[in-house]
């Protein structure tokens, strides 16, 4: 018989509905019978007992909120009767013990990646265009339009074809509602078979903001040029902006003093004309593409992977299916000697003590405490706070408080020790699980995760989020089968079988790892990559949740 509810932790005093439950539904759970006092939509929670105003609500075994007025057993948890609450946190000497999963079945496994001279291995082979200032975005748009179609990197032209038919119908006086849409896929052959894409980091920074913003942007762009998935770089500069080419090169060579990838730099105020600038950039980049096309994939140990874990458009199933399944995959990767990156600091609000206790030493724990405290203080200074993180979509689908959202979000990272804490743009250097300071904002987080060195991103979603990254293949993992079917054009993996009981968390985690290996080898292309979902938003270190 299909389960109607789930209790995530033995200490919890709420149950999660696994399907829509009408009011007055009797629920038998662990020998006790509960009767729903309200209609409980799937993914939402109801109280297991009568509670008084001020009583603590426990979920995932931790404090996630407090009741605002007296409630009865069976009542639905809402934003009116429950408000965010979280335990205080501090460093305490805890001898954290982790039992790594058995990875003997992966002992002889490898992936086919692009080996770089600095010892890193890319899961893709991209050429990257970087503007040092927003003034060059238009020139990059022209170059992109020129190169994408000719070299075979454009997303299929089904929309152009459809628009063309609409124009013809209009000109001929026909009803445009009779025009059919044909979802044809562009099968154009690529000129360079070993170049997976040409990527463009257009942004709105580099000048006009604070010097701190330009300095952070410089480090971010340098991190992308240094990324294992990037084989060559073209830089366009105006010349007079805050972010000078010399600053970018300083930060780039600080990351790797032996940087040896093709690096082409064009400064518009030194060019004879805009036409010459664009012409030279296209020709020289074409020569660079010819060069990096000689590189081929070769076997690499799974320990060379660096996987970021991310959630967006989360729902009430995120912490039950997709996130823990990704978390088990993360534990497998750590046990294999790979790197795993967990970001989104506003979505660690409420689980800080767990992160602290899992830190390998006091310095690591204290860096996390400092970054979290400074970030939350900054939010409060402008009248906000981490507690305001859940979006209307999150709340509608059962994530009532930030602590509930955070407790579920943290499960993406599995249970391994935290070996390092990285500030924004700092590179991951240690095998194991690292925390990366970024906002919860989907694109700002994935942008920062790639800067830290992620060569794959596992992105879980319960509502559906069309987000990707220019240089890091992003794999979309649905929390439920309804979403996976409805938005199959953007979803790669369905963890709905965990909700239905067809698969365990561990089985699904192993499936996810197998898919990661195929993507890292170029054998599977995630939907975000197929659709050129190349989202890139630098964080200006202001308040962004």
Protein backbone atom coordinates (compact mmCIF):
# COMPACT_ATOMS: atom_id res chain seq x y z
CA UNK A 1 0.00 0.00 0.00
CA UNK A 2 1.32 3.43 -0.99
CA UNK A 3 2.52 5.59 1.89
CA UNK A 4 0.43 8.70 2.52
CA UNK A 5 2.87 10.56 4.78
CA UNK A 6 6.48 10.53 5.89
CA UNK A 7 8.18 11.46 9.14
CA UNK A 8 11.68 12.56 8.20
CA UNK A 9 13.32 12.29 11.62
CA UNK A 10 12.23 10.48 14.78
CA UNK A 11 12.36 13.76 16.71
CA UNK A 12 9.95 15.55 14.36
CA UNK A 13 6.50 16.67 15.47
CA UNK A 14 5.09 17.19 11.96
CA UNK A 15 4.28 14.77 9.14
CA UNK A 16 4.75 15.48 5.42
CA UNK A 17 1.93 14.60 3.00
CA UNK A 18 3.13 12.51 0.06
CA UNK A 19 -0.14 13.11 -1.80
CA UNK A 20 -3.15 15.41 -1.47
CA UNK A 21 -5.05 14.56 1.72
CA UNK A 22 -8.66 15.75 2.12
CA UNK A 23 -9.78 17.06 5.49
CA UNK A 24 -10.87 14.39 7.98
CA UNK A 25 -8.60 11.76 6.40
CA UNK A 26 -7.47 9.18 8.97
CA UNK A 27 -3.72 8.50 8.76
CA UNK A 28 -2.15 5.44 10.33
CA UNK A 29 1.55 6.03 10.95
CA UNK A 30 3.87 3.97 13.15
CA UNK A 31 0.98 2.57 15.18
CA UNK A 32 -0.72 5.92 15.75
CA UNK A 33 -3.77 7.33 13.98
CA UNK A 34 -3.94 10.99 13.00
CA UNK A 35 -6.92 12.75 11.43
CA UNK A 36 -6.32 15.71 9.15
CA UNK A 37 -8.16 18.78 10.43
CA UNK A 38 -7.61 20.63 7.13
CA UNK A 39 -6.99 19.73 3.52
CA UNK A 40 -3.26 18.96 3.31
CA UNK A 41 -1.83 19.36 -0.20
CA UNK A 42 1.01 17.04 -1.21
CA UNK A 43 4.39 18.34 0.07
CA UNK A 44 2.80 20.25 2.97
CA UNK A 45 2.98 19.36 6.68
CA UNK A 46 0.51 18.88 9.50
CA UNK A 47 1.01 18.88 13.24
CA UNK A 48 1.16 15.54 15.04
CA UNK A 49 -0.07 16.95 18.36
CA UNK A 50 -1.84 19.91 19.93
CA UNK A 51 0.61 22.79 20.37
CA UNK A 52 0.60 26.09 22.27
CA UNK A 53 1.77 29.48 21.04
CA UNK A 54 5.56 29.58 21.25
CA UNK A 55 6.03 25.81 21.02
CA UNK A 56 8.91 24.62 18.88
CA UNK A 57 8.31 22.94 15.52
CA UNK A 58 10.84 20.23 14.75
CA UNK A 59 11.62 18.84 11.30
CA UNK A 60 14.71 16.97 10.08
CA UNK A 61 15.35 16.63 13.82
CA UNK A 62 16.05 20.36 14.29
CA UNK A 63 14.19 23.53 15.21
CA UNK A 64 12.59 24.99 12.08
CA UNK A 65 9.96 27.32 13.51
CA UNK A 66 7.67 28.30 16.37
CA UNK A 67 3.90 28.14 16.56
CA UNK A 68 2.31 31.60 16.65
CA UNK A 69 -1.00 30.59 18.25
CA UNK A 70 -2.57 27.42 19.61
CA UNK A 71 -3.00 24.69 16.99
CA UNK A 72 -4.65 21.28 17.00
CA UNK A 73 -3.23 17.95 15.86
CA UNK A 74 -3.96 17.40 12.18
CA UNK A 75 -3.90 21.11 11.29
CA UNK A 76 -1.86 22.20 8.30
CA UNK A 77 1.33 24.17 8.92
CA UNK A 78 1.03 27.61 7.30
CA UNK A 79 2.92 30.90 7.19
CA UNK A 80 0.27 32.29 9.57
CA UNK A 81 0.59 29.68 12.33
CA UNK A 82 4.34 29.02 12.05
CA UNK A 83 7.26 31.46 11.81
CA UNK A 84 10.95 30.81 11.20
CA UNK A 85 13.12 29.97 14.18
CA UNK A 86 16.59 28.45 14.43
CA UNK A 87 18.97 27.43 17.19
CA UNK A 88 21.98 29.64 17.99
CA UNK A 89 25.30 28.24 16.83
CA UNK A 90 28.92 28.30 17.96
CA UNK A 91 32.11 26.33 17.61
CA UNK A 92 32.36 23.35 19.90
CA UNK A 93 34.97 20.65 19.81
CA UNK A 94 33.19 17.69 18.23
CA UNK A 95 34.98 14.60 17.05
CA UNK A 96 32.83 14.08 13.98
CA UNK A 97 32.87 10.52 12.69
CA UNK A 98 31.88 9.70 9.13
CA UNK A 99 31.36 6.23 7.75
CA UNK A 100 32.11 6.47 4.04
CA UNK A 101 29.92 4.45 1.67
CA UNK A 102 31.36 1.37 0.00
CA UNK A 103 32.79 2.48 -3.37
CA UNK A 104 34.58 -0.75 -4.31
CA UNK A 105 32.32 -1.14 -7.36
CA UNK A 106 33.79 2.12 -8.73
CA UNK A 107 37.43 1.16 -8.10
CA UNK A 108 38.29 0.75 -11.77
CA UNK A 109 35.92 3.37 -13.16
CA UNK A 110 37.03 6.51 -14.97
CA UNK A 111 35.64 9.25 -17.18
CA UNK A 112 36.96 10.66 -20.44
CA UNK A 113 37.94 14.27 -19.91
CA UNK A 114 40.26 16.98 -21.20
CA UNK A 115 43.57 16.91 -19.36
CA UNK A 116 45.14 20.32 -18.65
CA UNK A 117 48.83 20.89 -18.04
CA UNK A 118 48.19 22.06 -14.46
CA UNK A 119 46.83 18.62 -13.56
CA UNK A 120 43.12 19.42 -13.67
CA UNK A 121 40.71 17.60 -15.96
CA UNK A 122 37.80 19.24 -17.74
CA UNK A 123 34.46 17.63 -18.52
CA UNK A 124 34.13 19.87 -21.59
CA UNK A 125 36.35 21.85 -23.97
CA UNK A 126 35.10 25.42 -24.36
CA UNK A 127 36.39 28.63 -25.90
CA UNK A 128 35.48 31.59 -23.69
CA UNK A 129 34.79 35.23 -24.60
CA UNK A 130 35.18 37.71 -21.73
CA UNK A 131 34.35 41.45 -21.71
CA UNK A 132 36.17 43.41 -19.03
CA UNK A 133 33.33 45.95 -19.11
CA UNK A 134 29.66 46.06 -20.14
CA UNK A 135 30.55 48.46 -22.97
CA UNK A 136 31.82 45.46 -24.97
CA UNK A 137 28.64 43.38 -24.64
CA UNK A 138 27.25 44.56 -27.97
CA UNK A 139 30.45 43.59 -29.77
CA UNK A 140 30.27 40.17 -28.17
CA UNK A 141 26.65 39.82 -29.30
CA UNK A 142 27.74 40.50 -32.88
CA UNK A 143 30.58 37.98 -32.63
CA UNK A 144 28.27 35.40 -31.07
CA UNK A 145 25.71 35.79 -33.85
CA UNK A 146 28.50 35.42 -36.42
CA UNK A 147 30.10 32.32 -34.94
CA UNK A 148 27.22 30.28 -33.47
CA UNK A 149 25.36 29.37 -36.64
CA UNK A 150 28.39 29.07 -38.90
CA UNK A 151 30.27 26.77 -36.54
CA UNK A 152 27.25 24.69 -35.50
CA UNK A 153 26.72 25.86 -31.90
CA UNK A 154 23.36 27.63 -32.29
CA UNK A 155 20.28 26.25 -30.60
CA UNK A 156 17.94 24.82 -33.25
CA UNK A 157 16.23 27.39 -35.42
CA UNK A 158 12.66 26.14 -34.81
CA UNK A 159 11.61 29.51 -33.41
CA UNK A 160 13.09 31.43 -36.37
CA UNK A 161 11.32 29.06 -38.73
CA UNK A 162 8.03 29.54 -36.88
CA UNK A 163 8.39 33.32 -36.92
CA UNK A 164 9.18 33.21 -40.65
CA UNK A 165 5.94 31.30 -41.27
CA UNK A 166 3.98 33.87 -39.24
CA UNK A 167 5.45 36.70 -41.34
CA UNK A 168 4.53 34.88 -44.55
CA UNK A 169 0.98 34.28 -43.30
CA UNK A 170 0.60 37.94 -42.32
CA UNK A 171 1.88 39.16 -45.69
CA UNK A 172 -0.51 36.81 -47.51
CA UNK A 173 -3.49 37.80 -45.34
CA UNK A 174 -3.82 34.36 -43.75
CA UNK A 175 -4.88 33.51 -40.19
CA UNK A 176 -1.67 33.15 -38.12
CA UNK A 177 -3.47 30.83 -35.69
CA UNK A 178 -3.43 28.15 -38.37
CA UNK A 179 0.37 28.13 -38.53
CA UNK A 180 1.82 24.96 -37.03
CA UNK A 181 4.94 24.88 -34.88
CA UNK A 182 7.46 22.21 -35.85
CA UNK A 183 9.91 21.33 -33.05
CA UNK A 184 12.72 20.34 -35.37
CA UNK A 185 16.20 19.91 -33.94
CA UNK A 186 19.11 21.47 -35.80
CA UNK A 187 21.45 18.66 -36.78
CA UNK A 188 24.11 20.94 -38.29
CA UNK A 189 27.56 19.43 -38.13
CA UNK A 190 30.10 21.28 -36.03
CA UNK A 191 33.23 22.60 -37.68
CA UNK A 192 35.33 21.65 -34.65
CA UNK A 193 34.38 18.23 -33.29
CA UNK A 194 36.55 18.53 -30.16
CA UNK A 195 35.29 21.99 -29.18
CA UNK A 196 32.13 21.58 -27.11
CA UNK A 197 31.07 25.19 -27.33
CA UNK A 198 31.90 28.88 -27.58
CA UNK A 199 30.75 30.74 -24.48
CA UNK A 200 30.19 34.43 -23.73
CA UNK A 201 30.30 36.00 -20.25
CA UNK A 202 28.34 39.20 -20.89
CA UNK A 203 27.71 41.17 -17.68
CA UNK A 204 26.85 44.69 -16.48
CA UNK A 205 30.00 45.43 -14.49
CA UNK A 206 33.60 46.55 -14.93
CA UNK A 207 32.96 50.27 -14.52
CA UNK A 208 30.63 52.72 -12.80
CA UNK A 209 30.27 50.64 -9.64
CA UNK A 210 32.59 50.49 -6.67
CA UNK A 211 36.22 49.55 -7.08
CA UNK A 212 35.47 46.58 -4.84
CA UNK A 213 32.89 45.40 -7.39
CA UNK A 214 35.44 45.65 -10.19
CA UNK A 215 38.05 43.84 -8.13
CA UNK A 216 35.64 41.00 -7.36
CA UNK A 217 34.57 40.83 -11.00
CA UNK A 218 38.22 40.61 -12.08
CA UNK A 219 38.80 37.63 -9.80
CA UNK A 220 35.59 36.01 -11.03
CA UNK A 221 36.49 36.39 -14.71
CA UNK A 222 40.01 35.13 -14.02
CA UNK A 223 38.55 32.07 -12.30
CA UNK A 224 36.47 31.32 -15.39
CA UNK A 225 39.47 31.70 -17.72
CA UNK A 226 41.39 29.35 -15.41
CA UNK A 227 38.52 26.82 -15.31
CA UNK A 228 39.37 23.22 -16.35
CA UNK A 229 36.54 23.24 -18.91
CA UNK A 230 38.00 26.29 -20.68
CA UNK A 231 40.68 25.71 -23.33
CA UNK A 232 41.13 29.23 -24.72
CA UNK A 233 40.04 32.81 -24.01
CA UNK A 234 39.29 35.97 -25.98
CA UNK A 235 39.12 39.18 -23.93
CA UNK A 236 37.47 42.37 -25.18
CA UNK A 237 38.25 45.61 -23.35
CA UNK A 238 37.21 49.18 -24.00
CA UNK A 239 40.30 50.69 -22.37
CA UNK A 240 39.19 53.35 -19.88
CA UNK A 241 37.11 51.22 -17.49
CA UNK A 242 37.80 50.44 -13.84
CA UNK A 243 38.59 46.81 -14.56
CA UNK A 244 41.80 47.08 -16.53
CA UNK A 245 43.28 44.24 -18.56
CA UNK A 246 46.34 44.39 -16.30
CA UNK A 247 44.10 43.70 -13.27
CA UNK A 248 42.51 40.72 -14.98
CA UNK A 249 45.91 39.29 -16.00
CA UNK A 250 47.22 39.82 -12.47
CA UNK A 251 44.38 37.79 -10.99
CA UNK A 252 44.63 35.15 -13.71
CA UNK A 253 48.35 34.51 -13.21
CA UNK A 254 47.86 34.58 -9.44
CA UNK A 255 45.71 31.49 -9.92
CA UNK A 256 48.26 29.86 -12.21
CA UNK A 257 51.65 31.44 -12.82
CA UNK A 258 52.19 28.95 -15.68
CA UNK A 259 48.89 29.71 -17.42
CA UNK A 260 49.40 28.42 -20.95
CA UNK A 261 46.00 28.49 -22.65
CA UNK A 262 45.59 30.69 -25.74
CA UNK A 263 44.78 34.18 -24.44
CA UNK A 264 43.70 36.80 -27.00
CA UNK A 265 43.20 40.39 -25.84
CA UNK A 266 41.60 43.20 -27.87
CA UNK A 267 41.23 46.80 -26.65
CA UNK A 268 38.75 48.89 -28.61
CA UNK A 269 40.24 52.31 -27.86
CA UNK A 270 43.50 51.12 -29.43
CA UNK A 271 41.82 49.68 -32.55
CA UNK A 272 41.49 51.56 -35.83
CA UNK A 273 37.74 50.88 -35.87
CA UNK A 274 35.06 48.72 -34.33
CA UNK A 275 34.90 46.77 -37.58
CA UNK A 276 38.61 45.99 -37.39
CA UNK A 277 38.31 44.97 -33.74
CA UNK A 278 35.53 42.49 -34.45
CA UNK A 279 37.18 41.17 -37.60
CA UNK A 280 40.48 40.54 -35.83
CA UNK A 281 38.74 38.96 -32.83
CA UNK A 282 36.84 36.54 -35.09
CA UNK A 283 39.87 35.61 -37.21
CA UNK A 284 42.27 35.12 -34.30
CA UNK A 285 39.68 33.20 -32.30
CA UNK A 286 39.10 30.94 -35.30
CA UNK A 287 42.82 30.18 -35.30
CA UNK A 288 42.59 29.44 -31.58
CA UNK A 289 39.68 27.08 -32.19
CA UNK A 290 41.75 25.24 -34.75
CA UNK A 291 44.42 24.79 -32.08
CA UNK A 292 42.22 23.56 -29.22
CA UNK A 293 40.35 21.26 -31.60
CA UNK A 294 43.48 19.09 -31.57
CA UNK A 295 42.81 18.21 -27.93
CA UNK A 296 40.96 14.94 -27.31
CA UNK A 297 39.29 13.27 -24.35
CA UNK A 298 41.30 10.73 -22.37
CA UNK A 299 40.62 8.53 -19.36
CA UNK A 300 40.78 10.21 -15.95
CA UNK A 301 40.16 8.97 -12.41
CA UNK A 302 36.83 9.88 -10.84
CA UNK A 303 38.84 11.71 -8.18
CA UNK A 304 39.43 14.42 -10.81
CA UNK A 305 35.76 15.41 -10.77
CA UNK A 306 34.60 18.56 -8.98
CA UNK A 307 30.82 18.56 -8.58
CA UNK A 308 28.73 21.46 -7.34
CA UNK A 309 25.37 20.68 -5.72
CA UNK A 310 22.57 23.25 -6.05
CA UNK A 311 18.81 23.54 -5.66
CA UNK A 312 16.38 26.02 -7.17
CA UNK A 313 12.63 26.24 -7.48
CA UNK A 314 12.54 23.96 -4.44
CA UNK A 315 9.40 22.28 -3.16
CA UNK A 316 8.27 20.22 -0.19
CA UNK A 317 9.76 17.06 -1.73
CA UNK A 318 13.24 18.56 -2.32
CA UNK A 319 14.56 17.47 1.07
CA UNK A 320 12.93 14.03 0.77
CA UNK A 321 13.87 12.82 -2.72
CA UNK A 322 16.25 14.79 -4.97
CA UNK A 323 18.44 16.46 -2.34
CA UNK A 324 19.22 13.35 -0.26
CA UNK A 325 19.76 11.32 -3.46
CA UNK A 326 22.24 13.95 -4.67
CA UNK A 327 23.69 13.89 -1.16
CA UNK A 328 24.37 10.17 -1.39
CA UNK A 329 26.02 10.75 -4.78
CA UNK A 330 28.12 13.47 -3.08
CA UNK A 331 29.20 10.99 -0.40
CA UNK A 332 30.22 8.51 -3.10
CA UNK A 333 32.27 11.20 -4.84
CA UNK A 334 34.01 12.22 -1.61
CA UNK A 335 34.80 8.59 -0.84
CA UNK A 336 36.36 8.36 -4.32
CA UNK A 337 38.62 11.35 -3.63
CA UNK A 338 36.68 13.91 -5.70
CA UNK A 339 35.66 17.45 -4.74
CA UNK A 340 32.07 18.44 -3.87
CA UNK A 341 30.92 22.05 -3.46
CA UNK A 342 27.90 23.23 -1.43
CA UNK A 343 27.02 26.93 -1.70
CA UNK A 344 23.97 29.15 -0.99
CA UNK A 345 24.78 30.41 2.53
CA UNK A 346 21.28 31.93 3.11
CA UNK A 347 20.00 28.37 2.66
CA UNK A 348 22.16 27.05 5.47
CA UNK A 349 20.27 29.15 8.01
CA UNK A 350 19.15 26.76 10.72
CA UNK A 351 21.72 24.04 9.98
CA UNK A 352 24.77 26.11 10.92
CA UNK A 353 25.56 23.95 13.95
CA UNK A 354 25.63 20.81 11.82
CA UNK A 355 28.02 22.47 9.36
CA UNK A 356 30.23 23.64 12.22
CA UNK A 357 30.28 20.23 13.89
CA UNK A 358 31.20 18.56 10.59
CA UNK A 359 34.15 20.92 9.98
CA UNK A 360 37.53 19.20 10.09
CA UNK A 361 39.11 21.82 12.35
CA UNK A 362 38.42 25.00 14.29
CA UNK A 363 39.81 27.36 11.63
CA UNK A 364 37.45 25.93 9.04
CA UNK A 365 34.49 26.19 11.41
CA UNK A 366 35.31 29.76 12.43
CA UNK A 367 35.64 30.91 8.84
CA UNK A 368 32.16 29.55 8.16
CA UNK A 369 30.79 31.28 11.27
CA UNK A 370 32.38 34.60 10.24
CA UNK A 371 31.07 34.50 6.66
CA UNK A 372 27.58 33.49 7.74
CA UNK A 373 27.41 36.14 10.47
CA UNK A 374 28.73 38.95 8.26
CA UNK A 375 26.33 38.02 5.46
CA UNK A 376 23.26 37.85 7.72
CA UNK A 377 24.23 41.10 9.49
CA UNK A 378 24.45 42.85 6.12
CA UNK A 379 20.97 41.59 5.24
CA UNK A 380 19.52 42.82 8.54
CA UNK A 381 21.05 46.28 8.04
CA UNK A 382 18.81 46.79 5.02
CA UNK A 383 15.71 45.42 6.71
CA UNK A 384 15.97 41.84 5.50
CA UNK A 385 17.51 38.62 6.75
CA UNK A 386 18.02 34.98 5.86
CA UNK A 387 14.56 34.23 7.28
CA UNK A 388 13.08 36.03 4.24
CA UNK A 389 14.72 33.65 1.76
CA UNK A 390 11.78 31.38 0.81
CA UNK A 391 10.09 32.55 -2.38
CA UNK A 392 6.32 32.56 -3.00
CA UNK A 393 6.81 29.39 -5.05
CA UNK A 394 8.68 27.71 -2.21
CA UNK A 395 5.95 28.61 0.29
CA UNK A 396 3.12 27.51 -2.03
CA UNK A 397 4.76 24.09 -2.29
CA UNK A 398 5.34 23.54 1.41
CA UNK A 399 8.58 25.30 2.40
CA UNK A 400 7.03 27.50 5.07
CA UNK A 401 10.19 28.74 6.84
CA UNK A 402 13.79 29.29 5.81
CA UNK A 403 14.93 26.70 8.35
CA UNK A 404 12.71 24.06 6.70
CA UNK A 405 14.10 25.03 3.31
CA UNK A 406 17.68 25.03 4.62
CA UNK A 407 17.40 21.70 6.40
CA UNK A 408 16.24 20.09 3.17
CA UNK A 409 18.75 21.99 1.03
CA UNK A 410 21.70 20.90 3.17
CA UNK A 411 20.94 17.26 2.40
CA UNK A 412 22.44 17.78 -1.09
CA UNK A 413 25.86 17.71 0.55
CA UNK A 414 25.51 14.26 2.07
CA UNK A 415 27.17 13.61 5.41
CA UNK A 416 30.93 13.78 4.81
CA UNK A 417 33.24 16.11 6.80
CA UNK A 418 33.66 19.70 5.62
CA UNK A 419 37.30 20.08 4.59
CA UNK A 420 37.25 23.75 3.57
CA UNK A 421 35.20 26.95 3.51
CA UNK A 422 35.67 29.22 0.49
CA UNK A 423 34.79 32.85 0.12
CA UNK A 424 33.36 33.99 -3.22
CA UNK A 425 35.85 33.38 -6.12
CA UNK A 426 38.23 31.33 -3.96
CA UNK A 427 39.21 28.07 -5.72
CA UNK A 428 38.56 24.62 -4.29
CA UNK A 429 41.89 22.88 -3.74
CA UNK A 430 41.14 20.09 -1.28
CA UNK A 431 39.49 16.74 -2.04
CA UNK A 432 36.24 16.36 -0.12
CA UNK A 433 33.30 18.62 0.70
CA UNK A 434 33.81 22.40 0.67
CA UNK A 435 31.34 25.18 1.47
CA UNK A 436 31.29 28.11 -0.98
CA UNK A 437 29.92 31.49 0.09
CA UNK A 438 27.31 32.58 -2.47
CA UNK A 439 23.74 33.90 -2.39
CA UNK A 440 20.84 31.49 -2.71
CA UNK A 441 19.90 33.20 -5.99
CA UNK A 442 20.12 30.43 -8.57
CA UNK A 443 22.36 32.08 -11.15
CA UNK A 444 24.56 33.97 -8.69
CA UNK A 445 25.11 30.66 -6.88
CA UNK A 446 25.92 28.60 -9.98
CA UNK A 447 28.16 31.43 -11.22
CA UNK A 448 30.12 31.31 -7.95
CA UNK A 449 30.20 27.53 -7.87
CA UNK A 450 31.82 27.35 -11.31
CA UNK A 451 34.32 30.00 -10.21
CA UNK A 452 35.34 27.72 -7.36
CA UNK A 453 36.12 25.02 -9.92
CA UNK A 454 32.97 22.90 -10.33
CA UNK A 455 33.22 20.92 -13.58
CA UNK A 456 29.67 19.56 -13.21
CA UNK A 457 26.67 20.95 -11.32
CA UNK A 458 23.83 18.81 -9.97
CA UNK A 459 20.82 21.13 -9.80
CA UNK A 460 17.71 19.84 -8.02
CA UNK A 461 14.31 21.43 -8.59
CA UNK A 462 10.75 20.75 -7.53
CA UNK A 463 9.02 23.52 -9.48
CA UNK A 464 11.23 23.60 -12.59
CA UNK A 465 14.12 26.00 -13.16
CA UNK A 466 15.65 26.68 -16.61
CA UNK A 467 19.12 27.53 -15.34
CA UNK A 468 22.54 26.55 -16.61
CA UNK A 469 26.11 27.83 -16.66
CA UNK A 470 28.39 28.85 -19.54
CA UNK A 471 31.36 26.62 -18.66
CA UNK A 472 29.96 23.99 -16.27
CA UNK A 473 27.47 21.40 -17.60
CA UNK A 474 24.41 21.60 -15.36
CA UNK A 475 22.33 18.48 -14.70
CA UNK A 476 18.69 19.05 -13.70
CA UNK A 477 17.27 16.66 -11.12
CA UNK A 478 13.49 16.69 -10.54
CA UNK A 479 12.11 16.00 -7.07
CA UNK A 480 8.90 14.50 -8.45
CA UNK A 481 7.72 12.62 -11.51
CA UNK A 482 4.92 15.08 -12.31
CA UNK A 483 7.50 17.81 -12.90
CA UNK A 484 9.85 15.46 -14.77
CA UNK A 485 7.09 14.65 -17.27
CA UNK A 486 5.65 18.16 -17.57
CA UNK A 487 9.03 19.85 -18.11
CA UNK A 488 10.87 16.99 -19.77
CA UNK A 489 12.59 19.46 -22.10
CA UNK A 490 14.72 20.77 -19.20
CA UNK A 491 14.85 17.82 -16.75
CA UNK A 492 17.57 15.14 -16.96
CA UNK A 493 16.88 12.91 -13.95
CA UNK A 494 13.63 12.05 -12.16
CA UNK A 495 13.86 11.16 -8.45
CA UNK A 496 10.11 10.71 -8.17
CA UNK A 497 10.63 6.94 -7.70
CA UNK A 498 11.95 7.78 -4.22
CA UNK A 499 8.57 9.34 -3.32
CA UNK A 500 6.63 6.40 -4.77
CA UNK A 501 8.84 3.89 -2.97
CA UNK A 502 10.13 2.31 -6.18
CA UNK A 503 13.74 3.24 -5.40
CA UNK A 504 15.78 3.95 -2.30
CA UNK A 505 17.82 7.10 -1.74
CA UNK A 506 21.04 5.12 -2.20
CA UNK A 507 19.88 3.49 -5.44
CA UNK A 508 18.91 6.86 -6.86
CA UNK A 509 22.22 8.36 -5.73
CA UNK A 510 24.10 5.68 -7.63
CA UNK A 511 21.99 6.37 -10.73
CA UNK A 512 22.90 10.04 -10.47
CA UNK A 513 26.61 9.23 -10.24
CA UNK A 514 26.37 7.02 -13.32
CA UNK A 515 24.76 9.89 -15.22
CA UNK A 516 27.49 12.26 -14.02
CA UNK A 517 30.17 9.93 -15.39
CA UNK A 518 28.44 9.86 -18.78
CA UNK A 519 28.13 13.66 -18.88
CA UNK A 520 31.75 14.10 -17.79
CA UNK A 521 32.77 11.82 -20.67
CA UNK A 522 30.71 13.66 -23.27
CA UNK A 523 28.45 10.63 -23.75
CA UNK A 524 25.35 12.42 -22.44
CA UNK A 525 24.53 16.09 -23.03
CA UNK A 526 22.36 17.66 -20.27
CA UNK A 527 19.29 19.59 -21.38
CA UNK A 528 20.72 22.88 -20.07
CA UNK A 529 23.73 22.45 -22.38
CA UNK A 530 21.56 21.43 -25.34
CA UNK A 531 19.47 24.59 -24.85
CA UNK A 532 22.48 26.90 -24.38
CA UNK A 533 21.23 27.93 -20.93
CA UNK A 534 24.43 29.91 -20.27
CA UNK A 535 23.35 31.98 -17.28
CA UNK A 536 26.01 34.18 -15.68
CA UNK A 537 25.41 36.83 -12.97
CA UNK A 538 28.35 38.13 -10.89
CA UNK A 539 27.58 38.77 -7.23
CA UNK A 540 28.35 42.35 -6.19
CA UNK A 541 28.53 41.32 -2.54
CA UNK A 542 25.44 43.33 -1.73
CA UNK A 543 22.34 41.79 -0.18
CA UNK A 544 21.08 38.95 -2.34
CA UNK A 545 19.25 36.00 -0.84
